[in-house]
Amino acid sequence: MEGGVGAEEVATVLVPTMNNPEQLEVVLRRLLEDLDGSYSVLVIDSSKDRRTLDLCNELGVKHLEDQSLSRADACNNGISKVTTEFTLFTDDDVIPPHGWVGNLIRWFEDEEVAGVGGPNFAPEDDPWLSKCTDVAFCAKVMTAGTRYGARPDGRLVKVNHNPGVNVAYRTSVLREVGGFDEGAIGAEDVLLDSKITKSGYSLFLDPTNVMPHRRRPLLRPMMRQIRNYGYVRRLAIHSDPTLRSPMHLFVEAFPLVALAGLLSMAYGAIMGGANLDLWFTLDGEWSLQRILFHGSLGLMSLYLALCVFGSALGTSPHRSLSTVLASCISIPAAHLA
């Protein structure tokens, strides 16, 4: 699978997009810099205007007009046009590193590899709040099993899922399993990988092939993004219950648990459980109001400590004192979303 001038085209990169030509241009220019004849790029355009079409014409990139309302359907339409042995997927808000395509498809020399992906992190030029989001996404705990920044030890690691922003598959396997679930409005990559592994194929992750992927720069858009992720993950779990992890139950229950904790603490404080003489000592009567206040406060403190601890042990390259401490806000905000 060596590239070079006159190399045989073996791969197609599919880039679904909707009304985002400014960031898409960055993606395409980076992919074109490495273009060596071994792959082509196809933009699947669900935009409402001509800006993306004009950009593709300017850069000489293949363009597929698409009326789909979901990424899954757009990707399926793209797969239907693929004639190469391998199909790669990414998003319109990434910064592909040099050699990205070749570094993924090289692994297909091993017949066991049906699909291979890599981690994704916020790029270095993202603002501080985006890096805080990245740290939250890549935390060791409290992330409900997300794999945005999964970076296990090893040269090539077997996994059961790779995020669709940085992944390649054998086209024959995609067609055998029927592609993405038609009409899926999210978590389509999770459902696809579940079908592939249930069909007896193996998926792998190359921890070194990192894709810079922009995060939401503000708390409210980040919460909206997380809310969408949570909603579509619930739909995916409903479709395939084997995708559920114990952390999903915690995240689903978190808003009610948090409300109950706050009400318990408030009631305990009002009824005298927060009196100063009851702090920093185990002496005295442990009345109901004291238990409600100090017990709830203790559990909340433990939760926030786990947020910080999990972020500190996470995989984001943007971990610093400030971004890790900010997980006391970003992770609860994600859970409340």
C-alpha atoms as a PDB file:
ATOM      1  CA  MET A   1       0.000   0.000   0.000  1.00  0.00           C
ATOM      2  CA  GLU A   2       2.816   2.374  -0.714  1.00  0.00           C
ATOM      3  CA  GLY A   3       1.749   5.784  -2.002  1.00  0.00           C
ATOM      4  CA  GLY A   4       3.491   8.018  -4.464  1.00  0.00           C
ATOM      5  CA  VAL A   5       3.050   9.505  -7.894  1.00  0.00           C
ATOM      6  CA  GLY A   6       0.997   7.158 -10.035  1.00  0.00           C
ATOM      7  CA  ALA A   7       0.001   5.028  -7.038  1.00  0.00           C
ATOM      8  CA  GLU A   8      -3.124   2.931  -7.358  1.00  0.00           C
ATOM      9  CA  GLU A   9      -6.150   4.524  -5.715  1.00  0.00           C
ATOM     10  CA  VAL A  10      -7.147   2.241  -2.840  1.00  0.00           C
ATOM     11  CA  ALA A  11      -9.028   4.532  -0.451  1.00  0.00           C
ATOM     12  CA  THR A  12     -11.798   7.131  -0.403  1.00  0.00           C
ATOM     13  CA  VAL A  13     -12.139   9.735   2.345  1.00  0.00           C
ATOM     14  CA  LEU A  14     -15.776  10.649   3.015  1.00  0.00           C
ATOM     15  CA  VAL A  15     -16.427  14.041   4.625  1.00  0.00           C
ATOM     16  CA  PRO A  16     -20.098  14.736   5.442  1.00  0.00           C
ATOM     17  CA  THR A  17     -20.807  18.431   5.937  1.00  0.00           C
ATOM     18  CA  MET A  18     -23.629  20.900   6.440  1.00  0.00           C
ATOM     19  CA  ASN A  19     -23.256  24.685   6.217  1.00  0.00           C
ATOM     20  CA  ASN A  20     -19.646  24.789   7.419  1.00  0.00           C
ATOM     21  CA  PRO A  21     -17.463  25.745   4.422  1.00  0.00           C
ATOM     22  CA  GLU A  22     -14.952  27.774   6.456  1.00  0.00           C
ATOM     23  CA  GLN A  23     -13.803  24.869   8.604  1.00  0.00           C
ATOM     24  CA  LEU A  24     -14.296  22.384   5.764  1.00  0.00           C
ATOM     25  CA  GLU A  25     -11.747  24.300   3.699  1.00  0.00           C
ATOM     26  CA  VAL A  26      -9.115  23.599   6.367  1.00  0.00           C
ATOM     27  CA  VAL A  27      -9.931  19.878   6.202  1.00  0.00           C
ATOM     28  CA  LEU A  28      -9.764  19.692   2.423  1.00  0.00           C
ATOM     29  CA  ARG A  29      -6.564  21.683   2.036  1.00  0.00           C
ATOM     30  CA  ARG A  30      -4.806  19.457   4.558  1.00  0.00           C
ATOM     31  CA  LEU A  31      -6.019  16.290   2.805  1.00  0.00           C
ATOM     32  CA  LEU A  32      -4.991  17.651  -0.591  1.00  0.00           C
ATOM     33  CA  GLU A  33      -1.473  18.416   0.641  1.00  0.00           C
ATOM     34  CA  ASP A  34      -0.878  14.667   1.026  1.00  0.00           C
ATOM     35  CA  LEU A  35      -2.726  13.616  -2.130  1.00  0.00           C
ATOM     36  CA  ASP A  36      -0.487  11.081  -3.872  1.00  0.00           C
ATOM     37  CA  GLY A  37      -2.872   9.072  -6.037  1.00  0.00           C
ATOM     38  CA  SER A  38      -3.577   6.423  -3.394  1.00  0.00           C
ATOM     39  CA  TYR A  39      -6.810   8.070  -2.245  1.00  0.00           C
ATOM     40  CA  SER A  40      -9.494  10.541  -3.231  1.00  0.00           C
ATOM     41  CA  VAL A  41     -11.776  12.805  -1.211  1.00  0.00           C
ATOM     42  CA  LEU A  42     -15.568  12.956  -1.521  1.00  0.00           C
ATOM     43  CA  VAL A  43     -17.547  15.709   0.223  1.00  0.00           C
ATOM     44  CA  ILE A  44     -21.146  14.754   1.021  1.00  0.00           C
ATOM     45  CA  ASP A  45     -22.887  18.109   1.115  1.00  0.00           C
ATOM     46  CA  SER A  46     -26.207  18.629   2.912  1.00  0.00           C
ATOM     47  CA  SER A  47     -25.858  22.428   2.939  1.00  0.00           C
ATOM     48  CA  LYS A  48     -28.607  24.855   2.076  1.00  0.00           C
ATOM     49  CA  ASP A  49     -26.462  27.076  -0.177  1.00  0.00           C
ATOM     50  CA  ARG A  50     -23.745  26.829  -2.846  1.00  0.00           C
ATOM     51  CA  ARG A  51     -20.722  27.787  -0.743  1.00  0.00           C
ATOM     52  CA  THR A  52     -19.575  24.202  -0.201  1.00  0.00           C
ATOM     53  CA  LEU A  53     -20.106  23.323  -3.867  1.00  0.00           C
ATOM     54  CA  ASP A  54     -18.110  26.385  -4.921  1.00  0.00           C
ATOM     55  CA  LEU A  55     -15.319  25.426  -2.511  1.00  0.00           C
ATOM     56  CA  CYS A  56     -15.138  21.878  -3.899  1.00  0.00           C
ATOM     57  CA  ASN A  57     -15.059  23.195  -7.465  1.00  0.00           C
ATOM     58  CA  GLU A  58     -12.271  25.605  -6.541  1.00  0.00           C
ATOM     59  CA  LEU A  59     -10.166  22.871  -4.938  1.00  0.00           C
ATOM     60  CA  GLY A  60     -11.014  20.147  -7.445  1.00  0.00           C
ATOM     61  CA  VAL A  61     -12.596  17.874  -4.820  1.00  0.00           C
ATOM     62  CA  LYS A  62     -15.410  15.448  -5.628  1.00  0.00           C
ATOM     63  CA  HIS A  63     -18.790  16.723  -4.453  1.00  0.00           C
ATOM     64  CA  LEU A  64     -21.994  14.802  -3.763  1.00  0.00           C
ATOM     65  CA  GLU A  65     -25.150  16.847  -3.263  1.00  0.00           C
ATOM     66  CA  ASP A  66     -27.161  15.268  -0.479  1.00  0.00           C
ATOM     67  CA  GLN A  67     -30.569  15.947   1.053  1.00  0.00           C
ATOM     68  CA  SER A  68     -30.124  13.717   4.101  1.00  0.00           C
ATOM     69  CA  LEU A  69     -31.132  14.956   7.531  1.00  0.00           C
ATOM     70  CA  SER A  70     -28.659  12.745   9.415  1.00  0.00           C
ATOM     71  CA  ARG A  71     -24.959  11.975   9.244  1.00  0.00           C
ATOM     72  CA  ALA A  72     -25.764   8.263   8.978  1.00  0.00           C
ATOM     73  CA  ASP A  73     -27.801   8.678   5.799  1.00  0.00           C
ATOM     74  CA  ALA A  74     -25.261  11.082   4.315  1.00  0.00           C
ATOM     75  CA  CYS A  75     -22.451   8.598   4.946  1.00  0.00           C
ATOM     76  CA  ASN A  76     -24.499   5.767   3.429  1.00  0.00           C
ATOM     77  CA  ASN A  77     -25.000   7.853   0.303  1.00  0.00           C
ATOM     78  CA  GLY A  78     -21.258   8.408   0.213  1.00  0.00           C
ATOM     79  CA  ILE A  79     -20.529   4.691   0.645  1.00  0.00           C
ATOM     80  CA  SER A  80     -22.752   3.956  -2.350  1.00  0.00           C
ATOM     81  CA  LYS A  81     -20.329   5.971  -4.521  1.00  0.00           C
ATOM     82  CA  VAL A  82     -17.132   4.360  -3.207  1.00  0.00           C
ATOM     83  CA  THR A  83     -15.268   2.088  -5.623  1.00  0.00           C
ATOM     84  CA  THR A  84     -12.064   1.684  -3.597  1.00  0.00           C
ATOM     85  CA  GLU A  85     -11.033  -1.104  -1.236  1.00  0.00           C
ATOM     86  CA  PHE A  86     -11.002   1.114   1.849  1.00  0.00           C
ATOM     87  CA  THR A  87     -13.302   3.867   3.116  1.00  0.00           C
ATOM     88  CA  LEU A  88     -12.276   6.525   5.624  1.00  0.00           C
ATOM     89  CA  PHE A  89     -14.539   8.883   7.566  1.00  0.00           C
ATOM     90  CA  THR A  90     -13.882  12.211   9.213  1.00  0.00           C
ATOM     91  CA  ASP A  91     -15.762  15.423  10.050  1.00  0.00           C
ATOM     92  CA  ASP A  92     -15.732  18.951   8.666  1.00  0.00           C
ATOM     93  CA  ASP A  93     -14.219  20.489  11.826  1.00  0.00           C
ATOM     94  CA  VAL A  94     -10.937  18.601  12.103  1.00  0.00           C
ATOM     95  CA  ILE A  95      -7.330  19.356  11.156  1.00  0.00           C
ATOM     96  CA  PRO A  96      -6.020  16.168   9.492  1.00  0.00           C
ATOM     97  CA  PRO A  97      -2.366  15.550  10.343  1.00  0.00           C
ATOM     98  CA  HIS A  98       0.058  14.916   7.524  1.00  0.00           C
ATOM     99  CA  GLY A  99       0.074  11.254   6.570  1.00  0.00           C
ATOM    100  CA  TRP A 100      -3.295  10.573   8.215  1.00  0.00           C
ATOM    101  CA  VAL A 101      -4.714   8.443   5.384  1.00  0.00           C
ATOM    102  CA  GLY A 102      -1.578   6.377   4.856  1.00  0.00           C
ATOM    103  CA  ASN A 103      -1.078   5.858   8.577  1.00  0.00           C
ATOM    104  CA  LEU A 104      -4.546   4.303   8.831  1.00  0.00           C
ATOM    105  CA  ILE A 105      -4.719   2.165   5.711  1.00  0.00           C
ATOM    106  CA  ARG A 106      -1.260   0.634   6.291  1.00  0.00           C
ATOM    107  CA  TRP A 107      -2.827  -1.558   8.973  1.00  0.00           C
ATOM    108  CA  PHE A 108      -5.043  -3.304   6.429  1.00  0.00           C
ATOM    109  CA  GLU A 109      -2.033  -5.353   5.379  1.00  0.00           C
ATOM    110  CA  ASP A 110      -3.144  -7.472   8.343  1.00  0.00           C
ATOM    111  CA  GLU A 111      -6.186  -9.429   7.147  1.00  0.00           C
ATOM    112  CA  GLU A 112      -7.631  -9.449  10.681  1.00  0.00           C
ATOM    113  CA  VAL A 113      -8.159  -5.677  10.568  1.00  0.00           C
ATOM    114  CA  ALA A 114     -11.692  -4.842   9.387  1.00  0.00           C
ATOM    115  CA  GLY A 115     -11.523  -1.303  10.697  1.00  0.00           C
ATOM    116  CA  VAL A 116      -8.983   0.920  12.399  1.00  0.00           C
ATOM    117  CA  GLY A 117      -9.170   4.323  14.033  1.00  0.00           C
ATOM    118  CA  GLY A 118      -7.323   6.670  16.327  1.00  0.00           C
ATOM    119  CA  PRO A 119      -7.863   9.110  19.191  1.00  0.00           C
ATOM    120  CA  ASN A 120      -9.072  12.664  18.726  1.00  0.00           C
ATOM    121  CA  PHE A 121      -8.229  15.688  20.845  1.00  0.00           C
ATOM    122  CA  ALA A 122      -8.794  19.438  20.679  1.00  0.00           C
ATOM    123  CA  PRO A 123      -6.159  21.168  18.510  1.00  0.00           C
ATOM    124  CA  GLU A 124      -3.513  23.343  20.125  1.00  0.00           C
ATOM    125  CA  ASP A 125      -5.024  26.572  18.792  1.00  0.00           C
ATOM    126  CA  ASP A 126      -8.446  25.939  20.354  1.00  0.00           C
ATOM    127  CA  PRO A 127      -9.401  28.409  23.129  1.00  0.00           C
ATOM    128  CA  TRP A 128      -9.056  27.532  26.804  1.00  0.00           C
ATOM    129  CA  LEU A 129     -12.734  26.629  27.264  1.00  0.00           C
ATOM    130  CA  SER A 130     -12.520  24.184  24.363  1.00  0.00           C
ATOM    131  CA  LYS A 131      -9.523  22.559  26.016  1.00  0.00           C
ATOM    132  CA  CYS A 132     -11.542  22.274  29.237  1.00  0.00           C
ATOM    133  CA  THR A 133     -14.207  20.438  27.243  1.00  0.00           C
ATOM    134  CA  ASP A 134     -11.528  18.178  25.802  1.00  0.00           C
ATOM    135  CA  VAL A 135     -10.234  17.359  29.282  1.00  0.00           C
ATOM    136  CA  ALA A 136     -13.790  16.521  30.391  1.00  0.00           C
ATOM    137  CA  PHE A 137     -14.405  14.321  27.329  1.00  0.00           C
ATOM    138  CA  CYS A 138     -11.168  12.415  27.916  1.00  0.00           C
ATOM    139  CA  ALA A 139     -11.472  11.943  31.682  1.00  0.00           C
ATOM    140  CA  LYS A 140     -10.649   8.505  33.056  1.00  0.00           C
ATOM    141  CA  VAL A 141     -13.975   8.260  34.894  1.00  0.00           C
ATOM    142  CA  MET A 142     -17.354  10.030  34.741  1.00  0.00           C
ATOM    143  CA  THR A 143     -17.549   9.921  30.923  1.00  0.00           C
ATOM    144  CA  ALA A 144     -20.095   7.100  30.480  1.00  0.00           C
ATOM    145  CA  GLY A 145     -17.768   5.036  28.336  1.00  0.00           C
ATOM    146  CA  THR A 146     -16.952   7.640  25.681  1.00  0.00           C
ATOM    147  CA  ARG A 147     -13.871   6.947  23.551  1.00  0.00           C
ATOM    148  CA  TYR A 148     -13.065  10.449  22.262  1.00  0.00           C
ATOM    149  CA  GLY A 149      -9.579  10.370  23.725  1.00  0.00           C
ATOM    150  CA  ALA A 150      -9.044   6.653  24.215  1.00  0.00           C
ATOM    151  CA  ARG A 151      -5.312   6.070  24.075  1.00  0.00           C
ATOM    152  CA  PRO A 152      -4.404   2.632  25.416  1.00  0.00           C
ATOM    153  CA  ASP A 153      -0.876   1.319  25.513  1.00  0.00           C
ATOM    154  CA  GLY A 154       0.233  -0.724  22.545  1.00  0.00           C
ATOM    155  CA  ARG A 155       1.108  -0.454  18.878  1.00  0.00           C
ATOM    156  CA  LEU A 156      -2.300  -1.616  17.638  1.00  0.00           C
ATOM    157  CA  VAL A 157      -5.033  -2.335  20.158  1.00  0.00           C
ATOM    158  CA  LYS A 158      -8.231  -4.319  19.612  1.00  0.00           C
ATOM    159  CA  VAL A 159     -11.338  -2.273  20.502  1.00  0.00           C
ATOM    160  CA  ASN A 160     -15.087  -2.511  19.993  1.00  0.00           C
ATOM    161  CA  HIS A 161     -15.583   1.059  18.802  1.00  0.00           C
ATOM    162  CA  ASN A 162     -13.756   3.931  17.110  1.00  0.00           C
ATOM    163  CA  PRO A 163     -15.287   7.435  16.880  1.00  0.00           C
ATOM    164  CA  GLY A 164     -16.346   8.263  13.328  1.00  0.00           C
ATOM    165  CA  VAL A 165     -14.140  11.334  13.145  1.00  0.00           C
ATOM    166  CA  ASN A 166     -10.965   9.273  12.707  1.00  0.00           C
ATOM    167  CA  VAL A 167     -11.608   5.832  11.276  1.00  0.00           C
ATOM    168  CA  ALA A 168     -11.136   3.588   8.233  1.00  0.00           C
ATOM    169  CA  TYR A 169     -12.905   0.377   7.178  1.00  0.00           C
ATOM    170  CA  ARG A 170     -12.724  -2.257   4.511  1.00  0.00           C
ATOM    171  CA  THR A 171     -15.459  -1.184   2.107  1.00  0.00           C
ATOM    172  CA  SER A 172     -16.565  -4.792   1.666  1.00  0.00           C
ATOM    173  CA  VAL A 173     -17.257  -5.061   5.409  1.00  0.00           C
ATOM    174  CA  LEU A 174     -19.293  -1.844   5.390  1.00  0.00           C
ATOM    175  CA  ARG A 175     -21.456  -3.204   2.602  1.00  0.00           C
ATOM    176  CA  GLU A 176     -21.779  -6.641   4.172  1.00  0.00           C
ATOM    177  CA  VAL A 177     -23.265  -5.200   7.392  1.00  0.00           C
ATOM    178  CA  GLY A 178     -25.495  -2.757   5.511  1.00  0.00           C
ATOM    179  CA  GLY A 179     -23.616   0.421   6.379  1.00  0.00           C
ATOM    180  CA  PHE A 180     -24.979   2.797   8.973  1.00  0.00           C
ATOM    181  CA  ASP A 181     -28.450   2.321  10.430  1.00  0.00           C
ATOM    182  CA  GLU A 182     -30.819   4.188   8.143  1.00  0.00           C
ATOM    183  CA  GLY A 183     -32.233   7.309   9.769  1.00  0.00           C
ATOM    184  CA  ALA A 184     -29.975   7.130  12.852  1.00  0.00           C
ATOM    185  CA  ILE A 185     -29.745  10.659  14.241  1.00  0.00           C
ATOM    186  CA  GLY A 186     -26.612  10.088  16.270  1.00  0.00           C
ATOM    187  CA  ALA A 187     -24.271   7.471  17.722  1.00  0.00           C
ATOM    188  CA  GLU A 188     -24.345   6.026  14.224  1.00  0.00           C
ATOM    189  CA  ASP A 189     -20.669   5.112  14.499  1.00  0.00           C
ATOM    190  CA  VAL A 190     -21.327   3.178  17.719  1.00  0.00           C
ATOM    191  CA  LEU A 191     -24.150   1.191  16.120  1.00  0.00           C
ATOM    192  CA  LEU A 192     -22.086   0.521  12.993  1.00  0.00           C
ATOM    193  CA  ASP A 193     -19.147  -0.814  14.979  1.00  0.00           C
ATOM    194  CA  SER A 194     -21.503  -2.974  17.028  1.00  0.00           C
ATOM    195  CA  LYS A 195     -22.822  -4.566  13.833  1.00  0.00           C
ATOM    196  CA  ILE A 196     -19.296  -5.138  12.548  1.00  0.00           C
ATOM    197  CA  THR A 197     -18.030  -6.828  15.706  1.00  0.00           C
ATOM    198  CA  LYS A 198     -21.196  -8.924  16.022  1.00  0.00           C
ATOM    199  CA  SER A 199     -20.540 -10.144  12.478  1.00  0.00           C
ATOM    200  CA  GLY A 200     -17.254 -11.605  13.677  1.00  0.00           C
ATOM    201  CA  TYR A 201     -14.879  -8.889  12.456  1.00  0.00           C
ATOM    202  CA  SER A 202     -12.205  -7.131  14.500  1.00  0.00           C
ATOM    203  CA  LEU A 203     -11.689  -3.406  15.007  1.00  0.00           C
ATOM    204  CA  PHE A 204      -8.432  -1.833  16.129  1.00  0.00           C
ATOM    205  CA  LEU A 205      -7.098   1.474  17.376  1.00  0.00           C
ATOM    206  CA  ASP A 206      -3.736   3.015  16.531  1.00  0.00           C
ATOM    207  CA  PRO A 207      -2.947   5.162  19.606  1.00  0.00           C
ATOM    208  CA  THR A 208      -0.411   7.226  17.658  1.00  0.00           C
ATOM    209  CA  ASN A 209      -2.705   8.382  14.835  1.00  0.00           C
ATOM    210  CA  VAL A 210      -4.277  11.395  16.551  1.00  0.00           C
ATOM    211  CA  MET A 211      -6.887  13.592  14.851  1.00  0.00           C
ATOM    212  CA  PRO A 212      -7.189  17.187  16.125  1.00  0.00           C
ATOM    213  CA  HIS A 213     -10.957  17.769  16.480  1.00  0.00           C
ATOM    214  CA  ARG A 214     -12.403  21.125  17.492  1.00  0.00           C
ATOM    215  CA  ARG A 215     -14.509  21.222  20.680  1.00  0.00           C
ATOM    216  CA  ARG A 216     -17.312  23.632  21.559  1.00  0.00           C
ATOM    217  CA  PRO A 217     -15.670  26.844  22.862  1.00  0.00           C
ATOM    218  CA  LEU A 218     -18.437  27.912  25.302  1.00  0.00           C
ATOM    219  CA  LEU A 219     -20.195  26.166  28.186  1.00  0.00           C
ATOM    220  CA  ARG A 220     -23.727  26.463  26.804  1.00  0.00           C
ATOM    221  CA  PRO A 221     -22.886  25.050  23.324  1.00  0.00           C
ATOM    222  CA  MET A 222     -20.846  22.343  25.043  1.00  0.00           C
ATOM    223  CA  MET A 223     -23.840  21.396  27.204  1.00  0.00           C
ATOM    224  CA  ARG A 224     -26.043  21.350  24.114  1.00  0.00           C
ATOM    225  CA  GLN A 225     -23.551  19.080  22.352  1.00  0.00           C
ATOM    226  CA  ILE A 226     -23.375  16.751  25.358  1.00  0.00           C
ATOM    227  CA  ARG A 227     -27.168  16.706  25.602  1.00  0.00           C
ATOM    228  CA  ASN A 228     -27.351  15.621  21.975  1.00  0.00           C
ATOM    229  CA  TYR A 229     -24.702  12.950  22.564  1.00  0.00           C
ATOM    230  CA  GLY A 230     -26.626  11.656  25.567  1.00  0.00           C
ATOM    231  CA  TYR A 231     -29.922  11.609  23.719  1.00  0.00           C
ATOM    232  CA  VAL A 232     -28.611   9.736  20.713  1.00  0.00           C
ATOM    233  CA  ARG A 233     -26.636   7.346  22.941  1.00  0.00           C
ATOM    234  CA  ARG A 234     -29.904   6.450  24.709  1.00  0.00           C
ATOM    235  CA  LEU A 235     -31.466   5.784  21.321  1.00  0.00           C
ATOM    236  CA  ALA A 236     -28.492   3.611  20.393  1.00  0.00           C
ATOM    237  CA  ILE A 237     -28.750   1.664  23.659  1.00  0.00           C
ATOM    238  CA  HIS A 238     -32.464   1.155  23.044  1.00  0.00           C
ATOM    239  CA  SER A 239     -31.559  -0.282  19.639  1.00  0.00           C
ATOM    240  CA  ASP A 240     -28.674  -2.369  21.018  1.00  0.00           C
ATOM    241  CA  PRO A 241     -28.801  -2.917  24.824  1.00  0.00           C
ATOM    242  CA  THR A 242     -25.311  -4.450  24.810  1.00  0.00           C
ATOM    243  CA  LEU A 243     -23.921  -0.922  24.399  1.00  0.00           C
ATOM    244  CA  ARG A 244     -24.996   0.055  27.928  1.00  0.00           C
ATOM    245  CA  SER A 245     -22.321   0.467  30.598  1.00  0.00           C
ATOM    246  CA  PRO A 246     -22.844   0.934  34.372  1.00  0.00           C
ATOM    247  CA  MET A 247     -21.760   4.568  34.045  1.00  0.00           C
ATOM    248  CA  HIS A 248     -24.684   5.217  31.678  1.00  0.00           C
ATOM    249  CA  LEU A 249     -27.094   4.463  34.527  1.00  0.00           C
ATOM    250  CA  PHE A 250     -25.293   6.952  36.768  1.00  0.00           C
ATOM    251  CA  VAL A 251     -25.293   9.691  34.141  1.00  0.00           C
ATOM    252  CA  GLU A 252     -28.971   9.167  33.365  1.00  0.00           C
ATOM    253  CA  ALA A 253     -29.858   9.391  37.062  1.00  0.00           C
ATOM    254  CA  PHE A 254     -27.488  12.262  37.865  1.00  0.00           C
ATOM    255  CA  PRO A 255     -29.942  15.201  37.550  1.00  0.00           C
ATOM    256  CA  LEU A 256     -32.379  13.550  39.972  1.00  0.00           C
ATOM    257  CA  VAL A 257     -29.584  12.499  42.330  1.00  0.00           C
ATOM    258  CA  ALA A 258     -28.135  16.023  42.280  1.00  0.00           C
ATOM    259  CA  LEU A 259     -31.532  17.592  42.977  1.00  0.00           C
ATOM    260  CA  ALA A 260     -32.195  15.172  45.839  1.00  0.00           C
ATOM    261  CA  GLY A 261     -28.768  15.928  47.296  1.00  0.00           C
ATOM    262  CA  LEU A 262     -29.264  19.690  47.165  1.00  0.00           C
ATOM    263  CA  LEU A 263     -32.725  19.476  48.726  1.00  0.00           C
ATOM    264  CA  SER A 264     -31.433  17.176  51.475  1.00  0.00           C
ATOM    265  CA  MET A 265     -28.535  19.486  52.230  1.00  0.00           C
ATOM    266  CA  ALA A 266     -30.787  22.559  52.261  1.00  0.00           C
ATOM    267  CA  TYR A 267     -33.305  20.884  54.562  1.00  0.00           C
ATOM    268  CA  GLY A 268     -30.558  19.704  56.901  1.00  0.00           C
ATOM    269  CA  ALA A 269     -29.080  23.210  57.053  1.00  0.00           C
ATOM    270  CA  ILE A 270     -32.438  24.857  57.748  1.00  0.00           C
ATOM    271  CA  MET A 271     -33.126  22.386  60.555  1.00  0.00           C
ATOM    272  CA  GLY A 272     -29.795  23.069  62.260  1.00  0.00           C
ATOM    273  CA  GLY A 273     -27.588  20.363  60.776  1.00  0.00           C
ATOM    274  CA  ALA A 274     -25.083  22.973  59.554  1.00  0.00           C
ATOM    275  CA  ASN A 275     -24.376  24.582  62.925  1.00  0.00           C
ATOM    276  CA  LEU A 276     -20.703  25.524  63.292  1.00  0.00           C
ATOM    277  CA  ASP A 277     -20.154  23.283  66.301  1.00  0.00           C
ATOM    278  CA  LEU A 278     -20.979  20.257  64.122  1.00  0.00           C
ATOM    279  CA  TRP A 279     -18.194  20.891  61.590  1.00  0.00           C
ATOM    280  CA  PHE A 280     -14.889  18.976  61.549  1.00  0.00           C
ATOM    281  CA  THR A 281     -15.877  16.609  64.348  1.00  0.00           C
ATOM    282  CA  LEU A 282     -17.574  13.261  64.760  1.00  0.00           C
ATOM    283  CA  ASP A 283     -18.625  14.032  68.325  1.00  0.00           C
ATOM    284  CA  GLY A 284     -22.170  14.832  69.280  1.00  0.00           C
ATOM    285  CA  GLU A 285     -25.489  13.447  68.185  1.00  0.00           C
ATOM    286  CA  TRP A 286     -25.831  12.471  64.539  1.00  0.00           C
ATOM    287  CA  SER A 287     -29.394  13.658  64.093  1.00  0.00           C
ATOM    288  CA  LEU A 288     -31.302  13.325  60.840  1.00  0.00           C
ATOM    289  CA  GLN A 289     -30.672  16.963  59.924  1.00  0.00           C
ATOM    290  CA  ARG A 290     -26.940  16.596  60.586  1.00  0.00           C
ATOM    291  CA  ILE A 291     -26.781  13.434  58.465  1.00  0.00           C
ATOM    292  CA  LEU A 292     -28.735  15.070  55.640  1.00  0.00           C
ATOM    293  CA  PHE A 293     -26.490  18.134  55.536  1.00  0.00           C
ATOM    294  CA  HIS A 294     -23.051  16.637  56.118  1.00  0.00           C
ATOM    295  CA  GLY A 295     -23.807  13.369  54.307  1.00  0.00           C
ATOM    296  CA  SER A 296     -24.986  15.202  51.184  1.00  0.00           C
ATOM    297  CA  LEU A 297     -22.068  17.627  51.374  1.00  0.00           C
ATOM    298  CA  GLY A 298     -19.633  14.735  51.716  1.00  0.00           C
ATOM    299  CA  LEU A 299     -21.049  12.870  48.728  1.00  0.00           C
ATOM    300  CA  MET A 300     -20.953  16.034  46.605  1.00  0.00           C
ATOM    301  CA  SER A 301     -17.344  16.624  47.609  1.00  0.00           C
ATOM    302  CA  LEU A 302     -16.482  13.029  46.710  1.00  0.00           C
ATOM    303  CA  TYR A 303     -18.163  13.448  43.319  1.00  0.00           C
ATOM    304  CA  LEU A 304     -16.224  16.633  42.553  1.00  0.00           C
ATOM    305  CA  ALA A 305     -13.005  14.962  43.694  1.00  0.00           C
ATOM    306  CA  LEU A 306     -13.676  12.089  41.283  1.00  0.00           C
ATOM    307  CA  CYS A 307     -14.216  14.620  38.476  1.00  0.00           C
ATOM    308  CA  VAL A 308     -10.825  16.182  39.161  1.00  0.00           C
ATOM    309  CA  PHE A 309      -9.104  12.831  39.748  1.00  0.00           C
ATOM    310  CA  GLY A 310     -10.561  11.351  36.554  1.00  0.00           C
ATOM    311  CA  SER A 311      -9.538  14.394  34.516  1.00  0.00           C
ATOM    312  CA  ALA A 312      -6.016  14.319  35.929  1.00  0.00           C
ATOM    313  CA  LEU A 313      -5.709  10.650  34.925  1.00  0.00           C
ATOM    314  CA  GLY A 314      -7.326  11.195  31.533  1.00  0.00           C
ATOM    315  CA  THR A 315      -5.672  11.237  28.129  1.00  0.00           C
ATOM    316  CA  SER A 316      -6.180  14.817  26.948  1.00  0.00           C
ATOM    317  CA  PRO A 317      -2.901  16.538  26.030  1.00  0.00           C
ATOM    318  CA  HIS A 318      -4.446  19.759  27.371  1.00  0.00           C
ATOM    319  CA  ARG A 319      -4.408  18.709  31.013  1.00  0.00           C
ATOM    320  CA  SER A 320      -3.100  21.521  33.182  1.00  0.00           C
ATOM    321  CA  LEU A 321      -3.873  22.726  36.688  1.00  0.00           C
ATOM    322  CA  SER A 322      -6.542  25.101  35.398  1.00  0.00           C
ATOM    323  CA  THR A 323      -8.242  22.754  32.909  1.00  0.00           C
ATOM    324  CA  VAL A 324      -8.273  19.853  35.379  1.00  0.00           C
ATOM    325  CA  LEU A 325      -9.744  22.009  38.153  1.00  0.00           C
ATOM    326  CA  ALA A 326     -12.302  23.329  35.661  1.00  0.00           C
ATOM    327  CA  SER A 327     -13.641  19.779  35.365  1.00  0.00           C
ATOM    328  CA  CYS A 328     -15.478  20.535  38.634  1.00  0.00           C
ATOM    329  CA  ILE A 329     -17.725  22.631  36.390  1.00  0.00           C
ATOM    330  CA  SER A 330     -17.457  21.052  32.940  1.00  0.00           C
ATOM    331  CA  ILE A 331     -18.192  17.437  33.945  1.00  0.00           C
ATOM    332  CA  PRO A 332     -21.202  18.277  36.182  1.00  0.00           C
ATOM    333  CA  ALA A 333     -22.460  20.561  33.404  1.00  0.00           C
ATOM    334  CA  ALA A 334     -22.178  17.653  30.985  1.00  0.00           C
ATOM    335  CA  HIS A 335     -24.026  15.327  33.369  1.00  0.00           C
ATOM    336  CA  LEU A 336     -26.777  17.890  33.972  1.00  0.00           C
ATOM    337  CA  ALA A 337     -27.162  18.459  30.233  1.00  0.00           C
END
